[in-house]
């Protein structure tokens, strides 16, 4: 995925808790450490939109 470590330090979940994100290289996603959402990374750009995220436990996009 190759995201800049400095960028990863400032990125946070867009939900109200603004928790840090972890990288899942295999899935090409950023994972919220609090709400279990997975945010896609498309063409090297993190898509931090709640409508685009999915809950990892469900596998479906959030609504």
PDB file of N, CA and C in Angstrom:
ATOM      1  N   UNK A   1       0.841  -1.183   0.000  1.00  0.00           N
ATOM      2  CA  UNK A   1       0.000   0.000   0.000  1.00  0.00           C
ATOM      3  C   UNK A   1       0.886   1.247   0.000  1.00  0.00           C
ATOM      4  N   UNK A   2       1.969   1.228   0.763  1.00  0.00           N
ATOM      5  CA  UNK A   2       2.962   2.279   0.691  1.00  0.00           C
ATOM      6  C   UNK A   2       2.540   3.662   1.153  1.00  0.00           C
ATOM      7  N   UNK A   3       1.739   3.756   2.207  1.00  0.00           N
ATOM      8  CA  UNK A   3       1.356   5.072   2.722  1.00  0.00           C
ATOM      9  C   UNK A   3       2.497   5.656   3.547  1.00  0.00           C
ATOM     10  N   UNK A   4       2.661   6.947   3.448  1.00  0.00           N
ATOM     11  CA  UNK A   4       3.703   7.662   4.177  1.00  0.00           C
ATOM     12  C   UNK A   4       3.463   7.528   5.687  1.00  0.00           C
ATOM     13  N   UNK A   5       4.465   7.087   6.446  1.00  0.00           N
ATOM     14  CA  UNK A   5       4.295   6.952   7.899  1.00  0.00           C
ATOM     15  C   UNK A   5       3.893   8.258   8.588  1.00  0.00           C
ATOM     16  N   UNK A   6       4.363   9.394   8.093  1.00  0.00           N
ATOM     17  CA  UNK A   6       3.974  10.685   8.677  1.00  0.00           C
ATOM     18  C   UNK A   6       2.484  10.939   8.470  1.00  0.00           C
ATOM     19  N   UNK A   7       1.957  10.537   7.315  1.00  0.00           N
ATOM     20  CA  UNK A   7       0.524  10.678   7.051  1.00  0.00           C
ATOM     21  C   UNK A   7      -0.272   9.769   7.981  1.00  0.00           C
ATOM     22  N   UNK A   8       0.187   8.541   8.151  1.00  0.00           N
ATOM     23  CA  UNK A   8      -0.519   7.598   9.013  1.00  0.00           C
ATOM     24  C   UNK A   8      -0.597   8.092  10.457  1.00  0.00           C
ATOM     25  N   UNK A   9       0.397   8.850  10.891  1.00  0.00           N
ATOM     26  CA  UNK A   9       0.389   9.379  12.258  1.00  0.00           C
ATOM     27  C   UNK A   9      -0.732  10.388  12.486  1.00  0.00           C
ATOM     28  N   UNK A  10      -1.148  11.091  11.440  1.00  0.00           N
ATOM     29  CA  UNK A  10      -2.178  12.121  11.622  1.00  0.00           C
ATOM     30  C   UNK A  10      -3.574  11.674  11.188  1.00  0.00           C
ATOM     31  N   UNK A  11      -3.667  10.581  10.443  1.00  0.00           N
ATOM     32  CA  UNK A  11      -4.981  10.095  10.031  1.00  0.00           C
ATOM     33  C   UNK A  11      -5.719   9.507  11.227  1.00  0.00           C
ATOM     34  N   UNK A  12      -7.032   9.716  11.258  1.00  0.00           N
ATOM     35  CA  UNK A  12      -7.870   9.189  12.332  1.00  0.00           C
ATOM     36  C   UNK A  12      -9.235   8.832  11.763  1.00  0.00           C
ATOM     37  N   UNK A  13      -9.936   7.991  12.474  1.00  0.00           N
ATOM     38  CA  UNK A  13     -11.293   7.616  12.081  1.00  0.00           C
ATOM     39  C   UNK A  13     -12.159   8.877  12.022  1.00  0.00           C
ATOM     40  N   UNK A  14     -12.985   9.024  10.992  1.00  0.00           N
ATOM     41  CA  UNK A  14     -13.825  10.216  10.882  1.00  0.00           C
ATOM     42  C   UNK A  14     -15.044  10.210  11.812  1.00  0.00           C
ATOM     43  N   UNK A  15     -15.290   9.089  12.507  1.00  0.00           N
ATOM     44  CA  UNK A  15     -16.397   9.055  13.458  1.00  0.00           C
ATOM     45  C   UNK A  15     -16.052   9.949  14.655  1.00  0.00           C
ATOM     46  N   UNK A  16     -16.988  10.158  15.546  1.00  0.00           N
ATOM     47  CA  UNK A  16     -16.831  11.137  16.623  1.00  0.00           C
ATOM     48  C   UNK A  16     -15.688  10.840  17.588  1.00  0.00           C
ATOM     49  N   UNK A  17     -15.226   9.607  17.678  1.00  0.00           N
ATOM     50  CA  UNK A  17     -14.148   9.263  18.616  1.00  0.00           C
ATOM     51  C   UNK A  17     -12.755   9.566  18.058  1.00  0.00           C
ATOM     52  N   UNK A  18     -12.620   9.735  16.758  1.00  0.00           N
ATOM     53  CA  UNK A  18     -11.359  10.094  16.092  1.00  0.00           C
ATOM     54  C   UNK A  18     -10.189   9.213  16.527  1.00  0.00           C
ATOM     55  N   UNK A  19     -10.424   7.918  16.592  1.00  0.00           N
ATOM     56  CA  UNK A  19      -9.382   6.979  17.013  1.00  0.00           C
ATOM     57  C   UNK A  19      -8.331   6.784  15.935  1.00  0.00           C
ATOM     58  N   UNK A  20      -7.135   6.356  16.342  1.00  0.00           N
ATOM     59  CA  UNK A  20      -6.075   6.078  15.368  1.00  0.00           C
ATOM     60  C   UNK A  20      -6.458   4.929  14.442  1.00  0.00           C
ATOM     61  N   UNK A  21      -5.796   4.886  13.305  1.00  0.00           N
ATOM     62  CA  UNK A  21      -6.024   3.838  12.320  1.00  0.00           C
ATOM     63  C   UNK A  21      -4.786   2.962  12.205  1.00  0.00           C
ATOM     64  N   UNK A  22      -5.012   1.669  11.968  1.00  0.00           N
ATOM     65  CA  UNK A  22      -3.925   0.722  11.737  1.00  0.00           C
ATOM     66  C   UNK A  22      -3.990   0.270  10.287  1.00  0.00           C
ATOM     67  N   UNK A  23      -2.849  -0.082   9.737  1.00  0.00           N
ATOM     68  CA  UNK A  23      -2.769  -0.521   8.346  1.00  0.00           C
ATOM     69  C   UNK A  23      -2.966  -2.027   8.259  1.00  0.00           C
ATOM     70  N   UNK A  24      -3.826  -2.454   7.345  1.00  0.00           N
ATOM     71  CA  UNK A  24      -3.950  -3.866   6.974  1.00  0.00           C
ATOM     72  C   UNK A  24      -3.470  -3.963   5.535  1.00  0.00           C
ATOM     73  N   UNK A  25      -2.185  -4.246   5.364  1.00  0.00           N
ATOM     74  CA  UNK A  25      -1.575  -4.295   4.029  1.00  0.00           C
ATOM     75  C   UNK A  25      -2.244  -5.339   3.150  1.00  0.00           C
ATOM     76  N   UNK A  26      -2.539  -6.510   3.710  1.00  0.00           N
ATOM     77  CA  UNK A  26      -3.103  -7.609   2.924  1.00  0.00           C
ATOM     78  C   UNK A  26      -4.454  -7.244   2.328  1.00  0.00           C
ATOM     79  N   UNK A  27      -5.274  -6.539   3.099  1.00  0.00           N
ATOM     80  CA  UNK A  27      -6.615  -6.172   2.631  1.00  0.00           C
ATOM     81  C   UNK A  27      -6.631  -4.824   1.923  1.00  0.00           C
ATOM     82  N   UNK A  28      -5.554  -4.051   2.048  1.00  0.00           N
ATOM     83  CA  UNK A  28      -5.526  -2.717   1.443  1.00  0.00           C
ATOM     84  C   UNK A  28      -6.488  -1.770   2.122  1.00  0.00           C
ATOM     85  N   UNK A  29      -6.514  -1.839   3.463  1.00  0.00           N
ATOM     86  CA  UNK A  29      -7.458  -1.034   4.232  1.00  0.00           C
ATOM     87  C   UNK A  29      -6.769  -0.405   5.437  1.00  0.00           C
ATOM     88  N   UNK A  30      -7.425   0.622   5.964  1.00  0.00           N
ATOM     89  CA  UNK A  30      -7.049   1.204   7.245  1.00  0.00           C
ATOM     90  C   UNK A  30      -8.130   0.816   8.243  1.00  0.00           C
ATOM     91  N   UNK A  31      -7.717   0.349   9.408  1.00  0.00           N
ATOM     92  CA  UNK A  31      -8.644  -0.183  10.391  1.00  0.00           C
ATOM     93  C   UNK A  31      -8.730   0.726  11.605  1.00  0.00           C
ATOM     94  N   UNK A  32      -9.950   1.056  12.003  1.00  0.00           N
ATOM     95  CA  UNK A  32     -10.151   1.862  13.203  1.00  0.00           C
ATOM     96  C   UNK A  32      -9.903   0.985  14.427  1.00  0.00           C
ATOM     97  N   UNK A  33      -9.171   1.533  15.395  1.00  0.00           N
ATOM     98  CA  UNK A  33      -8.841   0.780  16.598  1.00  0.00           C
ATOM     99  C   UNK A  33      -9.981   0.769  17.618  1.00  0.00           C
ATOM    100  N   UNK A  34     -11.054   1.527  17.365  1.00  0.00           N
ATOM    101  CA  UNK A  34     -12.169   1.594  18.307  1.00  0.00           C
ATOM    102  C   UNK A  34     -13.454   0.984  17.757  1.00  0.00           C
ATOM    103  N   UNK A  35     -13.874   1.392  16.569  1.00  0.00           N
ATOM    104  CA  UNK A  35     -15.205   1.010  16.080  1.00  0.00           C
ATOM    105  C   UNK A  35     -15.205  -0.173  15.115  1.00  0.00           C
ATOM    106  N   UNK A  36     -14.040  -0.749  14.830  1.00  0.00           N
ATOM    107  CA  UNK A  36     -13.935  -1.938  13.984  1.00  0.00           C
ATOM    108  C   UNK A  36     -14.321  -1.674  12.530  1.00  0.00           C
ATOM    109  N   UNK A  37     -14.251  -0.408  12.093  1.00  0.00           N
ATOM    110  CA  UNK A  37     -14.498  -0.103  10.686  1.00  0.00           C
ATOM    111  C   UNK A  37     -13.213  -0.289   9.891  1.00  0.00           C
ATOM    112  N   UNK A  38     -13.382  -0.688   8.648  1.00  0.00           N
ATOM    113  CA  UNK A  38     -12.266  -0.816   7.716  1.00  0.00           C
ATOM    114  C   UNK A  38     -12.501   0.166   6.574  1.00  0.00           C
ATOM    115  N   UNK A  39     -11.531   1.050   6.362  1.00  0.00           N
ATOM    116  CA  UNK A  39     -11.622   2.069   5.320  1.00  0.00           C
ATOM    117  C   UNK A  39     -10.735   1.662   4.151  1.00  0.00           C
ATOM    118  N   UNK A  40     -11.263   1.686   2.930  1.00  0.00           N
ATOM    119  CA  UNK A  40     -10.463   1.270   1.774  1.00  0.00           C
ATOM    120  C   UNK A  40      -9.381   2.287   1.428  1.00  0.00           C
ATOM    121  N   UNK A  41      -8.335   1.785   0.795  1.00  0.00           N
ATOM    122  CA  UNK A  41      -7.298   2.642   0.220  1.00  0.00           C
ATOM    123  C   UNK A  41      -7.324   2.365  -1.275  1.00  0.00           C
ATOM    124  N   UNK A  42      -7.658   3.385  -2.058  1.00  0.00           N
ATOM    125  CA  UNK A  42      -7.791   3.229  -3.512  1.00  0.00           C
ATOM    126  C   UNK A  42      -6.726   4.054  -4.216  1.00  0.00           C
ATOM    127  N   UNK A  43      -5.933   3.401  -5.036  1.00  0.00           N
ATOM    128  CA  UNK A  43      -4.850   4.074  -5.766  1.00  0.00           C
ATOM    129  C   UNK A  43      -3.950   4.857  -4.823  1.00  0.00           C
ATOM    130  N   UNK A  44      -3.690   4.292  -3.640  1.00  0.00           N
ATOM    131  CA  UNK A  44      -2.812   4.927  -2.672  1.00  0.00           C
ATOM    132  C   UNK A  44      -3.441   6.047  -1.869  1.00  0.00           C
ATOM    133  N   UNK A  45      -4.757   6.242  -2.027  1.00  0.00           N
ATOM    134  CA  UNK A  45      -5.455   7.328  -1.327  1.00  0.00           C
ATOM    135  C   UNK A  45      -6.451   6.730  -0.326  1.00  0.00           C
ATOM    136  N   UNK A  46      -6.286   7.035   0.973  1.00  0.00           N
ATOM    137  CA  UNK A  46      -7.248   6.545   1.960  1.00  0.00           C
ATOM    138  C   UNK A  46      -8.620   7.198   1.758  1.00  0.00           C
ATOM    139  N   UNK A  47      -9.655   6.375   1.737  1.00  0.00           N
ATOM    140  CA  UNK A  47     -11.027   6.866   1.582  1.00  0.00           C
ATOM    141  C   UNK A  47     -11.665   6.824   2.971  1.00  0.00           C
ATOM    142  N   UNK A  48     -11.604   7.951   3.677  1.00  0.00           N
ATOM    143  CA  UNK A  48     -12.078   8.010   5.056  1.00  0.00           C
ATOM    144  C   UNK A  48     -13.496   8.566   5.131  1.00  0.00           C
ATOM    145  N   UNK A  49     -14.381   7.926   4.404  1.00  0.00           N
ATOM    146  CA  UNK A  49     -15.801   8.281   4.408  1.00  0.00           C
ATOM    147  C   UNK A  49     -16.560   7.170   5.120  1.00  0.00           C
ATOM    148  N   UNK A  50     -17.400   7.531   6.084  1.00  0.00           N
ATOM    149  CA  UNK A  50     -18.145   6.512   6.821  1.00  0.00           C
ATOM    150  C   UNK A  50     -19.004   5.664   5.895  1.00  0.00           C
ATOM    151  N   UNK A  51     -19.547   6.266   4.837  1.00  0.00           N
ATOM    152  CA  UNK A  51     -20.384   5.521   3.893  1.00  0.00           C
ATOM    153  C   UNK A  51     -19.586   4.501   3.080  1.00  0.00           C
ATOM    154  N   UNK A  52     -18.289   4.685   2.976  1.00  0.00           N
ATOM    155  CA  UNK A  52     -17.435   3.770   2.211  1.00  0.00           C
ATOM    156  C   UNK A  52     -16.816   2.686   3.090  1.00  0.00           C
ATOM    157  N   UNK A  53     -16.902   2.851   4.397  1.00  0.00           N
ATOM    158  CA  UNK A  53     -16.300   1.900   5.330  1.00  0.00           C
ATOM    159  C   UNK A  53     -17.195   0.682   5.495  1.00  0.00           C
ATOM    160  N   UNK A  54     -16.583  -0.363   6.038  1.00  0.00           N
ATOM    161  CA  UNK A  54     -17.356  -1.557   6.379  1.00  0.00           C
ATOM    162  C   UNK A  54     -16.961  -1.972   7.788  1.00  0.00           C
ATOM    163  N   UNK A  55     -17.890  -2.612   8.475  1.00  0.00           N
ATOM    164  CA  UNK A  55     -17.563  -3.186   9.780  1.00  0.00           C
ATOM    165  C   UNK A  55     -16.919  -4.536   9.515  1.00  0.00           C
ATOM    166  N   UNK A  56     -15.735  -4.743  10.022  1.00  0.00           N
ATOM    167  CA  UNK A  56     -15.016  -5.990   9.750  1.00  0.00           C
ATOM    168  C   UNK A  56     -15.763  -7.204  10.256  1.00  0.00           C
ATOM    169  N   UNK A  57     -16.485  -7.082  11.353  1.00  0.00           N
ATOM    170  CA  UNK A  57     -17.203  -8.230  11.905  1.00  0.00           C
ATOM    171  C   UNK A  57     -18.376  -8.650  11.024  1.00  0.00           C
ATOM    172  N   UNK A  58     -18.915  -7.711  10.249  1.00  0.00           N
ATOM    173  CA  UNK A  58     -20.064  -8.010   9.390  1.00  0.00           C
ATOM    174  C   UNK A  58     -19.660  -8.237   7.944  1.00  0.00           C
ATOM    175  N   UNK A  59     -18.620  -7.547   7.491  1.00  0.00           N
ATOM    176  CA  UNK A  59     -18.201  -7.662   6.108  1.00  0.00           C
ATOM    177  C   UNK A  59     -19.012  -6.810   5.146  1.00  0.00           C
ATOM    178  N   UNK A  60     -20.016  -6.098   5.651  1.00  0.00           N
ATOM    179  CA  UNK A  60     -20.870  -5.270   4.798  1.00  0.00           C
ATOM    180  C   UNK A  60     -20.541  -3.797   4.994  1.00  0.00           C
ATOM    181  N   UNK A  61     -20.793  -2.961   3.978  1.00  0.00           N
ATOM    182  CA  UNK A  61     -20.604  -1.522   4.161  1.00  0.00           C
ATOM    183  C   UNK A  61     -21.510  -0.994   5.260  1.00  0.00           C
ATOM    184  N   UNK A  62     -21.038  -0.007   5.991  1.00  0.00           N
ATOM    185  CA  UNK A  62     -21.868   0.595   7.036  1.00  0.00           C
ATOM    186  C   UNK A  62     -22.927   1.470   6.396  1.00  0.00           C
ATOM    187  N   UNK A  63     -23.970   1.694   7.142  1.00  0.00           N
ATOM    188  CA  UNK A  63     -25.021   2.575   6.618  1.00  0.00           C
ATOM    189  C   UNK A  63     -25.428   3.589   7.637  1.00  0.00           C
TER     190      UNK A  63
END
